[in-house]
Amino acid sequence: MLLLDSTGSFASYMRQTIETFWNFTGFANCEWQNLVMLAVGCFFVWLAIKRNFEPLLLVPIGFGMLLGNIPFQPGMEIGIYEPGSVLNILYNGVEKGWYPPLIFLGIGAMTDFGALLANPKLMVIGACAQFGIFGAYMLSLLVGFDPLSAGCVAIIGGADGPTAIFTTSKLNPDLLGAVAVSAYSYMALIPLIQPPLMRLFTTKQERLIKMKPARVVGQNEKIIFPIVGLMLTCFVVPSGIPLLGMLFFGNLLRESGVTTRLAKTASNALTDIVTILLGLTVGASTQADKFLNLDTLLIFGLGFLAFIIASSTGVLSVKIFNIFLRKDKKINPLIGNAGVSAVPMAARISQNLGLEYDPNNYLLMHAMGPNVAGVIGSAVAAGVLLSFLG
């Protein structure tokens, strides 16, 4: 009798153990939303590996989506939104805005502003492209977003993932996942989005414009630029100091000639590490229960419009600019798309499209001018938004 009781107790214990184990598995906690987001994560990884769309961004983000959407029972301290979990600790760099300034440090250390200094009027193109941000802000207000959320959506138009994350972390952290994924998605899709717009707003004759070689910029100019640039921009928008300060500091490390080791570390190892952490945690933040909603769809739609507006106004601003320039000073409007902040991808699009119409028309160095101006412009625009919204 005692043996039977023991056997029965053992069987009951094993049954309960198996049931408990089953309840903790992803299969027991899986919902259709999880499967949708897992499919999206796989799609991002496929785009990165098979289509070569910004793999350094989309592989970490796509894999992060897989991490963040494997179903589990709440309370296990493994989810990105569960305090104390490893992912949550790493996500603090996104939520508190630590990662974006470090990315800007790396961008500054790897960026040559010589193309902009050689032809300063190209700064106007980068400034005009930021109209996408403020145009999207007004559209976001019209569709019902509150001012803080509208600012988060609008910054997508700058085509600058770190700036979008930094701004959103200050204005409305609840939108971080949707805004970050939207911003990085459209950055990766630049080769598909921009060329049709560039063809639409330019004539064949305009695409054939050849620009004179830029003057050689002296080393002293390159050293002075980050110091003067920091003071000029941050006196106007002090709220942009975390981004602009690190951008210009990184550039000074590059151009000073005496901090080569620091510049190499900032532009290589540090940037790579932060990119991994940023992409992985941003992807993991897209948990199905927080990501799959109407607001996310609106953010993606408005973000796309912001990117269209930014790219289009960049091209159109060159056409308007050309009205006031002598024939031998005309600017090829194909470099107008590079006014967005996606460096150097947008500049390469200008180069490739220019070569398509004239194999001897090299636009890359000219396009780098508005492209690096766009980096500064997006950070300034973010500072403006934070000034009157934050």
Protein backbone atom coordinates (compact mmCIF):
# COMPACT_ATOMS: atom_id res chain seq x y z
CA MET A 1 0.00 0.00 0.00
CA LEU A 2 2.87 2.32 0.91
CA LEU A 3 4.54 1.46 -2.41
CA LEU A 4 1.35 2.31 -4.33
CA ASP A 5 1.06 5.63 -2.56
CA SER A 6 4.68 6.36 -3.33
CA THR A 7 4.17 5.37 -6.94
CA GLY A 8 1.03 7.47 -7.21
CA SER A 9 2.75 10.46 -5.61
CA PHE A 10 5.71 10.06 -7.93
CA ALA A 11 3.44 9.91 -11.00
CA SER A 12 1.56 12.99 -9.84
CA TYR A 13 4.82 14.82 -9.19
CA MET A 14 6.17 13.97 -12.64
CA ARG A 15 2.89 15.05 -14.27
CA GLN A 16 2.99 18.38 -12.46
CA THR A 17 6.66 18.82 -13.33
CA ILE A 18 5.99 18.23 -17.02
CA GLU A 19 3.00 20.59 -16.96
CA THR A 20 5.07 23.28 -15.27
CA PHE A 21 7.86 22.81 -17.79
CA TRP A 22 5.36 23.02 -20.67
CA ASN A 23 3.86 26.23 -19.29
CA PHE A 24 7.31 27.83 -19.33
CA THR A 25 8.06 26.89 -22.95
CA GLY A 26 7.64 29.25 -25.87
CA PHE A 27 5.13 26.88 -27.45
CA ALA A 28 2.70 27.28 -24.54
CA ASN A 29 3.04 31.09 -24.49
CA CYS A 30 3.07 31.67 -28.24
CA GLU A 31 0.49 33.93 -29.86
CA TRP A 32 0.01 34.85 -33.50
CA GLN A 33 1.59 38.28 -32.89
CA ASN A 34 4.84 36.59 -31.89
CA LEU A 35 4.89 34.62 -35.13
CA VAL A 36 4.31 37.79 -37.16
CA MET A 37 7.24 39.58 -35.53
CA LEU A 38 9.49 36.53 -35.85
CA ALA A 39 8.70 36.50 -39.57
CA VAL A 40 9.54 40.22 -39.79
CA GLY A 41 12.86 39.57 -38.01
CA CYS A 42 13.72 36.79 -40.47
CA PHE A 43 12.81 39.12 -43.34
CA PHE A 44 15.20 41.79 -42.05
CA VAL A 45 18.02 39.25 -41.78
CA TRP A 46 17.23 38.04 -45.32
CA LEU A 47 17.30 41.61 -46.66
CA ALA A 48 20.67 42.18 -45.04
CA ILE A 49 22.33 38.94 -46.13
CA LYS A 50 20.77 38.17 -49.49
CA ARG A 51 20.01 41.69 -50.73
CA ASN A 52 22.94 43.40 -48.96
CA PHE A 53 20.68 46.17 -47.59
CA GLU A 54 22.71 47.80 -44.80
CA PRO A 55 23.80 44.48 -43.22
CA LEU A 56 25.65 46.19 -40.36
CA LEU A 57 22.30 47.58 -39.24
CA LEU A 58 19.72 45.05 -40.33
CA VAL A 59 21.47 41.88 -39.12
CA PRO A 60 21.61 43.07 -35.46
CA ILE A 61 18.10 44.57 -35.67
CA GLY A 62 16.60 41.49 -37.34
CA PHE A 63 18.24 39.10 -34.89
CA GLY A 64 17.17 41.38 -32.04
CA MET A 65 13.58 41.00 -33.25
CA LEU A 66 13.95 37.25 -32.95
CA LEU A 67 15.33 37.60 -29.42
CA GLY A 68 12.60 39.98 -28.35
CA ASN A 69 9.71 37.96 -29.74
CA ILE A 70 10.44 34.42 -28.59
CA PRO A 71 7.44 33.92 -26.26
CA PHE A 72 8.06 33.31 -22.57
CA GLN A 73 6.16 33.44 -19.30
CA PRO A 74 6.34 36.89 -17.66
CA GLY A 75 8.41 37.18 -14.51
CA MET A 76 11.41 35.18 -15.68
CA GLU A 77 13.57 38.34 -15.85
CA ILE A 78 14.69 37.68 -19.40
CA GLY A 79 12.53 40.12 -21.41
CA ILE A 80 13.84 43.48 -22.53
CA TYR A 81 11.12 45.28 -20.57
CA GLU A 82 11.67 43.29 -17.35
CA PRO A 83 13.83 45.25 -14.87
CA GLY A 84 17.03 43.45 -13.98
CA SER A 85 17.24 41.31 -17.11
CA VAL A 86 20.41 41.42 -19.20
CA LEU A 87 18.55 42.80 -22.22
CA ASN A 88 16.89 45.46 -20.08
CA ILE A 89 20.27 46.60 -18.74
CA LEU A 90 21.67 46.83 -22.28
CA TYR A 91 18.49 48.61 -23.40
CA ASN A 92 19.23 51.41 -20.93
CA GLY A 93 21.73 52.68 -23.48
CA VAL A 94 18.82 53.27 -25.85
CA GLU A 95 16.26 54.46 -23.30
CA LYS A 96 18.64 56.89 -21.60
CA GLY A 97 20.23 58.04 -24.85
CA TRP A 98 23.78 56.77 -24.20
CA TYR A 99 24.40 54.97 -27.48
CA PRO A 100 23.57 57.70 -30.07
CA PRO A 101 26.25 60.19 -28.88
CA LEU A 102 28.85 57.41 -29.03
CA ILE A 103 27.75 56.62 -32.59
CA PHE A 104 28.12 60.32 -33.43
CA LEU A 105 31.63 60.25 -31.97
CA GLY A 106 32.47 57.48 -34.42
CA ILE A 107 30.78 59.27 -37.33
CA GLY A 108 32.81 62.40 -36.62
CA ALA A 109 36.04 60.40 -36.43
CA MET A 110 35.44 58.75 -39.81
CA THR A 111 34.02 61.77 -41.69
CA ASP A 112 36.01 64.11 -43.89
CA PHE A 113 34.24 67.48 -43.98
CA GLY A 114 36.59 68.67 -46.71
CA ALA A 115 33.94 68.41 -49.44
CA LEU A 116 31.67 70.75 -47.47
CA LEU A 117 34.46 73.20 -46.62
CA ALA A 118 35.54 73.30 -50.29
CA ASN A 119 32.04 74.40 -51.33
CA PRO A 120 30.19 75.83 -48.28
CA LYS A 121 27.05 76.68 -50.23
CA LEU A 122 26.30 72.95 -50.28
CA MET A 123 25.34 73.41 -46.62
CA VAL A 124 22.09 74.95 -47.90
CA ILE A 125 21.14 71.63 -49.54
CA GLY A 126 21.64 69.75 -46.29
CA ALA A 127 19.56 72.37 -44.48
CA CYS A 128 16.72 72.22 -47.04
CA ALA A 129 16.54 68.44 -46.78
CA GLN A 130 15.60 68.83 -43.10
CA PHE A 131 12.25 70.19 -44.25
CA GLY A 132 11.19 66.56 -44.26
CA ILE A 133 11.41 66.60 -40.46
CA PHE A 134 9.24 69.66 -39.97
CA GLY A 135 6.83 68.67 -42.73
CA ALA A 136 6.34 65.29 -41.07
CA TYR A 137 5.84 67.04 -37.72
CA MET A 138 2.89 68.99 -39.08
CA LEU A 139 1.43 65.89 -40.75
CA SER A 140 1.75 63.94 -37.49
CA LEU A 141 -0.17 66.62 -35.62
CA LEU A 142 -2.88 66.55 -38.29
CA VAL A 143 -3.45 62.79 -37.95
CA GLY A 144 -3.83 63.05 -34.17
CA PHE A 145 -0.42 62.52 -32.57
CA ASP A 146 0.32 64.66 -29.53
CA PRO A 147 3.20 67.17 -29.95
CA LEU A 148 5.81 64.98 -28.22
CA SER A 149 4.91 61.89 -30.26
CA ALA A 150 4.76 63.99 -33.44
CA GLY A 151 8.34 65.13 -32.76
CA CYS A 152 9.43 61.48 -32.49
CA VAL A 153 7.78 60.60 -35.79
CA ALA A 154 9.10 63.70 -37.55
CA ILE A 155 12.76 63.01 -36.79
CA ILE A 156 12.59 59.90 -39.01
CA GLY A 157 12.75 62.33 -41.94
CA GLY A 158 16.36 63.08 -41.10
CA ALA A 159 17.33 59.54 -42.20
CA ASP A 160 19.55 59.29 -39.14
CA GLY A 161 18.92 56.34 -36.84
CA PRO A 162 20.99 57.52 -33.83
CA THR A 163 19.39 60.98 -33.95
CA ALA A 164 15.91 59.43 -34.14
CA ILE A 165 16.66 57.20 -31.14
CA PHE A 166 18.15 60.04 -29.08
CA THR A 167 15.21 62.37 -29.78
CA THR A 168 12.59 59.71 -29.09
CA SER A 169 14.29 58.66 -25.84
CA LYS A 170 13.83 62.24 -24.61
CA LEU A 171 10.33 62.92 -25.93
CA ASN A 172 8.40 59.62 -25.77
CA PRO A 173 10.37 56.42 -24.98
CA ASP A 174 7.26 54.29 -25.58
CA LEU A 175 7.71 54.86 -29.31
CA LEU A 176 11.40 53.90 -29.40
CA GLY A 177 10.95 50.52 -31.08
CA ALA A 178 8.66 51.74 -33.85
CA VAL A 179 10.63 54.93 -34.56
CA ALA A 180 14.04 53.23 -34.52
CA VAL A 181 13.02 50.34 -36.76
CA SER A 182 11.25 52.73 -39.13
CA ALA A 183 14.28 55.03 -39.35
CA TYR A 184 16.77 52.22 -39.95
CA SER A 185 14.44 50.47 -42.40
CA TYR A 186 14.15 53.50 -44.64
CA MET A 187 17.89 54.14 -44.39
CA ALA A 188 18.47 50.61 -45.64
CA LEU A 189 15.96 51.10 -48.46
CA ILE A 190 17.55 54.30 -49.78
CA PRO A 191 18.74 52.52 -52.98
CA LEU A 192 15.09 51.71 -53.76
CA ILE A 193 13.39 54.91 -52.58
CA GLN A 194 15.60 57.74 -53.80
CA PRO A 195 16.44 57.00 -57.49
CA PRO A 196 12.80 57.23 -58.71
CA LEU A 197 12.41 60.58 -56.94
CA MET A 198 15.68 61.87 -58.40
CA ARG A 199 14.54 60.94 -61.91
CA LEU A 200 11.09 62.42 -61.32
CA PHE A 201 12.32 65.87 -60.32
CA THR A 202 15.22 66.27 -62.76
CA THR A 203 15.54 66.53 -66.51
CA LYS A 204 18.07 64.61 -68.58
CA GLN A 205 19.93 67.85 -69.26
CA GLU A 206 20.19 68.57 -65.51
CA ARG A 207 21.50 65.07 -64.81
CA LEU A 208 24.37 65.68 -67.24
CA ILE A 209 25.64 68.83 -65.49
CA LYS A 210 29.34 68.51 -64.75
CA MET A 211 30.64 70.29 -61.68
CA LYS A 212 34.12 71.74 -61.43
CA PRO A 213 36.59 69.89 -59.20
CA ALA A 214 36.48 71.17 -55.64
CA ARG A 215 39.39 73.17 -54.28
CA VAL A 216 41.88 71.53 -51.97
CA VAL A 217 41.07 72.24 -48.32
CA GLY A 218 44.02 72.95 -46.03
CA GLN A 219 44.69 71.06 -42.81
CA ASN A 220 44.28 74.18 -40.69
CA GLU A 221 40.76 74.68 -42.05
CA LYS A 222 39.87 71.11 -41.15
CA ILE A 223 41.18 71.58 -37.61
CA ILE A 224 39.37 74.88 -37.07
CA PHE A 225 36.05 73.62 -38.50
CA PRO A 226 34.98 71.28 -35.64
CA ILE A 227 35.79 73.96 -33.05
CA VAL A 228 33.93 76.75 -34.86
CA GLY A 229 31.15 74.38 -35.92
CA LEU A 230 30.59 73.28 -32.33
CA MET A 231 30.26 76.84 -31.07
CA LEU A 232 28.06 78.05 -33.92
CA THR A 233 25.58 75.17 -33.78
CA CYS A 234 25.45 74.66 -30.01
CA PHE A 235 25.02 78.36 -29.25
CA VAL A 236 21.89 78.16 -31.42
CA VAL A 237 20.60 74.83 -30.08
CA PRO A 238 22.29 73.91 -26.77
CA SER A 239 19.98 70.89 -26.53
CA GLY A 240 21.94 69.39 -29.43
CA ILE A 241 25.21 69.32 -27.45
CA PRO A 242 25.20 65.54 -26.77
CA LEU A 243 25.07 64.76 -30.49
CA LEU A 244 26.83 67.75 -32.06
CA GLY A 245 29.48 67.85 -29.34
CA MET A 246 30.46 64.23 -29.91
CA LEU A 247 30.31 64.63 -33.70
CA PHE A 248 32.71 67.57 -33.73
CA PHE A 249 34.93 66.02 -31.03
CA GLY A 250 35.31 62.88 -33.14
CA ASN A 251 36.17 65.00 -36.16
CA LEU A 252 38.79 66.94 -34.20
CA LEU A 253 40.37 63.63 -33.17
CA ARG A 254 40.59 62.75 -36.86
CA GLU A 255 41.92 66.04 -38.17
CA SER A 256 44.26 67.13 -35.37
CA GLY A 257 46.95 64.70 -36.53
CA VAL A 258 48.07 63.97 -32.97
CA THR A 259 45.26 61.65 -31.81
CA THR A 260 45.29 59.05 -34.56
CA ARG A 261 44.92 56.13 -32.14
CA LEU A 262 41.87 57.69 -30.51
CA ALA A 263 40.32 58.47 -33.88
CA LYS A 264 40.84 54.90 -35.08
CA THR A 265 39.34 53.49 -31.88
CA ALA A 266 36.32 55.79 -32.10
CA SER A 267 35.68 55.11 -35.78
CA ASN A 268 36.28 51.35 -35.67
CA ALA A 269 36.14 49.32 -32.46
CA LEU A 270 33.93 51.66 -30.42
CA THR A 271 31.47 52.29 -33.26
CA ASP A 272 31.23 48.57 -34.02
CA ILE A 273 30.55 47.66 -30.40
CA VAL A 274 27.89 50.33 -29.94
CA THR A 275 26.28 49.46 -33.29
CA ILE A 276 25.94 45.83 -32.18
CA LEU A 277 24.38 46.78 -28.84
CA LEU A 278 22.16 49.44 -30.37
CA GLY A 279 20.87 47.26 -33.22
CA LEU A 280 20.30 44.21 -31.04
CA THR A 281 18.41 46.04 -28.30
CA VAL A 282 16.37 48.16 -30.72
CA GLY A 283 15.31 44.98 -32.50
CA ALA A 284 14.48 43.25 -29.21
CA SER A 285 12.36 46.23 -28.14
CA THR A 286 9.82 45.38 -30.85
CA GLN A 287 7.92 42.94 -28.62
CA ALA A 288 4.70 41.99 -30.31
CA ASP A 289 2.44 43.27 -27.52
CA LYS A 290 4.04 46.73 -27.72
CA PHE A 291 4.83 46.91 -31.43
CA LEU A 292 1.82 45.56 -33.31
CA ASN A 293 -0.70 48.38 -33.08
CA LEU A 294 -2.21 51.16 -35.16
CA ASP A 295 0.30 53.75 -33.95
CA THR A 296 3.16 51.67 -35.34
CA LEU A 297 1.53 51.54 -38.77
CA LEU A 298 0.98 55.31 -38.68
CA ILE A 299 4.61 55.87 -37.65
CA PHE A 300 5.87 53.76 -40.56
CA GLY A 301 3.56 55.57 -42.98
CA LEU A 302 4.45 59.06 -41.77
CA GLY A 303 8.11 58.12 -41.56
CA PHE A 304 8.01 57.11 -45.21
CA LEU A 305 6.38 60.43 -46.14
CA ALA A 306 9.01 62.29 -44.10
CA PHE A 307 11.76 60.51 -46.01
CA ILE A 308 10.08 61.27 -49.35
CA ILE A 309 9.74 64.95 -48.43
CA ALA A 310 13.36 65.19 -47.27
CA SER A 311 14.77 63.55 -50.40
CA SER A 312 12.54 65.57 -52.72
CA THR A 313 13.23 68.96 -51.12
CA GLY A 314 16.94 68.24 -51.30
CA VAL A 315 16.75 67.77 -55.08
CA LEU A 316 14.32 70.65 -55.62
CA SER A 317 16.45 73.03 -53.55
CA VAL A 318 19.34 72.53 -56.00
CA LYS A 319 17.06 73.31 -58.94
CA ILE A 320 16.00 76.55 -57.26
CA PHE A 321 19.59 77.33 -56.30
CA ASN A 322 20.68 76.90 -59.92
CA ILE A 323 18.36 79.71 -61.04
CA PHE A 324 20.68 82.20 -59.33
CA LEU A 325 24.00 80.63 -60.39
CA ARG A 326 26.06 81.28 -63.49
CA LYS A 327 26.14 78.49 -66.08
CA ASP A 328 29.66 77.45 -65.14
CA LYS A 329 28.69 77.33 -61.43
CA LYS A 330 25.59 75.14 -61.79
CA ILE A 331 25.12 72.27 -59.35
CA ASN A 332 23.99 68.86 -60.55
CA PRO A 333 20.62 68.33 -58.80
CA LEU A 334 21.36 64.60 -58.50
CA ILE A 335 23.43 65.46 -55.43
CA GLY A 336 20.36 66.98 -53.76
CA ASN A 337 19.22 63.60 -52.46
CA ALA A 338 22.41 63.46 -50.39
CA GLY A 339 21.09 66.23 -48.14
CA VAL A 340 19.67 63.54 -45.88
CA SER A 341 21.91 62.23 -43.13
CA ALA A 342 22.58 58.71 -44.40
CA VAL A 343 26.37 58.88 -44.87
CA PRO A 344 27.81 57.81 -47.27
CA MET A 345 24.98 55.76 -48.75
CA ALA A 346 23.00 58.73 -50.13
CA ALA A 347 26.16 60.16 -51.73
CA ARG A 348 26.81 56.81 -53.44
CA ILE A 349 23.29 56.93 -54.90
CA SER A 350 24.12 60.34 -56.43
CA GLN A 351 27.33 58.91 -57.87
CA ASN A 352 25.70 55.80 -59.32
CA LEU A 353 22.82 57.67 -60.94
CA GLY A 354 25.19 60.28 -62.39
CA LEU A 355 27.36 57.56 -63.95
CA GLU A 356 24.25 55.95 -65.39
CA TYR A 357 23.65 59.03 -67.57
CA ASP A 358 27.30 59.96 -68.14
CA PRO A 359 30.05 57.40 -67.39
CA ASN A 360 32.54 60.25 -66.97
CA ASN A 361 30.52 62.34 -64.52
CA TYR A 362 31.84 61.64 -61.02
CA LEU A 363 29.59 63.18 -58.39
CA LEU A 364 30.66 61.34 -55.23
CA MET A 365 32.93 64.00 -53.73
CA HIS A 366 30.44 66.75 -54.58
CA ALA A 367 27.61 64.74 -53.03
CA MET A 368 29.58 64.23 -49.83
CA GLY A 369 29.23 67.97 -49.16
CA PRO A 370 25.46 68.00 -48.64
CA ASN A 371 25.65 64.51 -47.15
CA VAL A 372 27.86 65.54 -44.22
CA ALA A 373 25.86 68.78 -43.97
CA GLY A 374 22.80 66.57 -43.53
CA VAL A 375 24.42 64.89 -40.52
CA ILE A 376 24.87 68.28 -38.87
CA GLY A 377 21.44 69.44 -40.05
CA SER A 378 19.58 66.47 -38.60
CA ALA A 379 21.29 66.93 -35.23
CA VAL A 380 20.44 70.64 -35.26
CA ALA A 381 16.82 69.83 -36.19
CA ALA A 382 16.69 67.36 -33.30
CA GLY A 383 17.99 70.10 -31.02
CA VAL A 384 15.26 72.45 -32.25
CA LEU A 385 12.57 69.85 -31.55
CA LEU A 386 13.96 69.17 -28.09
CA SER A 387 14.13 72.90 -27.37
CA PHE A 388 10.43 73.59 -27.82
CA LEU A 389 9.08 70.14 -26.96
CA GLY A 390 11.45 68.77 -24.33
